[in-house]
């Protein structure tokens, strides 16, 4: 049980680091989200294009980088 708790603590820490980075670097996060979306879209051969573009748009809107 402590193993799962330790894993959860590590994940919570990683999420907090990511949140702080996103708040400090919104332009970089918006750009990376766009690049990641393009890569995933290519890897899935466009099968989930609408969902991917929607997720990227949400990230970019949240970071103030809403030009998808």
C-alpha atoms as a PDB file:
ATOM      1  CA  UNK A   1       0.000   0.000   0.000  1.00  0.00           C
ATOM      2  CA  UNK A   2       2.816   2.394   0.767  1.00  0.00           C
ATOM      3  CA  UNK A   3       4.149   1.769  -2.746  1.00  0.00           C
ATOM      4  CA  UNK A   4       0.958   3.126  -4.285  1.00  0.00           C
ATOM      5  CA  UNK A   5       0.967   6.064  -1.890  1.00  0.00           C
ATOM      6  CA  UNK A   6       4.563   6.850  -2.821  1.00  0.00           C
ATOM      7  CA  UNK A   7       3.681   6.744  -6.507  1.00  0.00           C
ATOM      8  CA  UNK A   8       0.753   9.073  -5.905  1.00  0.00           C
ATOM      9  CA  UNK A   9       2.974  11.526  -4.026  1.00  0.00           C
ATOM     10  CA  UNK A  10       5.474  11.548  -6.889  1.00  0.00           C
ATOM     11  CA  UNK A  11       2.696  12.141  -9.436  1.00  0.00           C
ATOM     12  CA  UNK A  12       1.236  14.995  -7.411  1.00  0.00           C
ATOM     13  CA  UNK A  13       4.677  16.571  -7.247  1.00  0.00           C
ATOM     14  CA  UNK A  14       5.132  16.224 -11.011  1.00  0.00           C
ATOM     15  CA  UNK A  15       1.738  17.815 -11.661  1.00  0.00           C
ATOM     16  CA  UNK A  16       2.645  20.743  -9.409  1.00  0.00           C
ATOM     17  CA  UNK A  17       5.945  21.273 -11.237  1.00  0.00           C
ATOM     18  CA  UNK A  18       4.137  21.176 -14.588  1.00  0.00           C
ATOM     19  CA  UNK A  19       1.510  23.644 -13.335  1.00  0.00           C
ATOM     20  CA  UNK A  20       4.166  26.091 -12.152  1.00  0.00           C
ATOM     21  CA  UNK A  21       6.040  25.806 -15.449  1.00  0.00           C
ATOM     22  CA  UNK A  22       2.839  26.431 -17.413  1.00  0.00           C
ATOM     23  CA  UNK A  23       2.037  29.521 -15.357  1.00  0.00           C
ATOM     24  CA  UNK A  24       5.560  30.904 -15.796  1.00  0.00           C
ATOM     25  CA  UNK A  25       5.889  30.019 -19.506  1.00  0.00           C
ATOM     26  CA  UNK A  26       2.459  30.149 -21.172  1.00  0.00           C
ATOM     27  CA  UNK A  27       3.824  30.819 -24.675  1.00  0.00           C
ATOM     28  CA  UNK A  28       6.138  27.814 -24.510  1.00  0.00           C
ATOM     29  CA  UNK A  29       3.348  25.560 -23.233  1.00  0.00           C
ATOM     30  CA  UNK A  30       0.985  26.722 -25.982  1.00  0.00           C
ATOM     31  CA  UNK A  31       3.644  26.076 -28.622  1.00  0.00           C
ATOM     32  CA  UNK A  32       4.495  22.636 -27.201  1.00  0.00           C
ATOM     33  CA  UNK A  33       0.812  21.710 -27.077  1.00  0.00           C
ATOM     34  CA  UNK A  34       0.494  22.565 -30.768  1.00  0.00           C
ATOM     35  CA  UNK A  35       3.571  20.536 -31.664  1.00  0.00           C
ATOM     36  CA  UNK A  36       2.430  17.576 -29.577  1.00  0.00           C
ATOM     37  CA  UNK A  37      -1.007  17.744 -31.181  1.00  0.00           C
ATOM     38  CA  UNK A  38       0.502  17.655 -34.654  1.00  0.00           C
ATOM     39  CA  UNK A  39       2.689  14.672 -33.749  1.00  0.00           C
ATOM     40  CA  UNK A  40      -0.189  12.703 -32.244  1.00  0.00           C
ATOM     41  CA  UNK A  41      -2.404  13.580 -35.225  1.00  0.00           C
ATOM     42  CA  UNK A  42       0.269  12.249 -37.597  1.00  0.00           C
ATOM     43  CA  UNK A  43       0.785   9.091 -35.543  1.00  0.00           C
ATOM     44  CA  UNK A  44      -2.951   8.360 -35.495  1.00  0.00           C
ATOM     45  CA  UNK A  45      -3.236   9.241 -39.204  1.00  0.00           C
ATOM     46  CA  UNK A  46      -5.922  11.845 -38.487  1.00  0.00           C
ATOM     47  CA  UNK A  47      -8.311   9.355 -36.900  1.00  0.00           C
ATOM     48  CA  UNK A  48      -8.774  11.547 -33.800  1.00  0.00           C
ATOM     49  CA  UNK A  49      -8.091  14.895 -35.423  1.00  0.00           C
ATOM     50  CA  UNK A  50     -11.151  16.693 -34.030  1.00  0.00           C
ATOM     51  CA  UNK A  51     -10.451  15.555 -30.470  1.00  0.00           C
ATOM     52  CA  UNK A  52      -6.754  16.417 -30.724  1.00  0.00           C
ATOM     53  CA  UNK A  53      -7.412  19.881 -32.119  1.00  0.00           C
ATOM     54  CA  UNK A  54     -10.024  20.481 -29.423  1.00  0.00           C
ATOM     55  CA  UNK A  55      -7.598  19.522 -26.669  1.00  0.00           C
ATOM     56  CA  UNK A  56      -4.837  21.692 -28.137  1.00  0.00           C
ATOM     57  CA  UNK A  57      -7.274  24.609 -28.415  1.00  0.00           C
ATOM     58  CA  UNK A  58      -8.233  24.214 -24.742  1.00  0.00           C
ATOM     59  CA  UNK A  59      -4.594  24.230 -23.640  1.00  0.00           C
ATOM     60  CA  UNK A  60      -3.810  27.246 -25.800  1.00  0.00           C
ATOM     61  CA  UNK A  61      -6.890  29.101 -24.573  1.00  0.00           C
ATOM     62  CA  UNK A  62      -5.978  28.350 -20.955  1.00  0.00           C
ATOM     63  CA  UNK A  63      -2.439  29.670 -21.471  1.00  0.00           C
ATOM     64  CA  UNK A  64      -3.577  32.713 -23.415  1.00  0.00           C
ATOM     65  CA  UNK A  65      -1.959  31.442 -26.590  1.00  0.00           C
ATOM     66  CA  UNK A  66      -5.279  30.779 -28.339  1.00  0.00           C
ATOM     67  CA  UNK A  67      -4.052  30.900 -31.940  1.00  0.00           C
ATOM     68  CA  UNK A  68      -4.210  27.262 -33.040  1.00  0.00           C
END
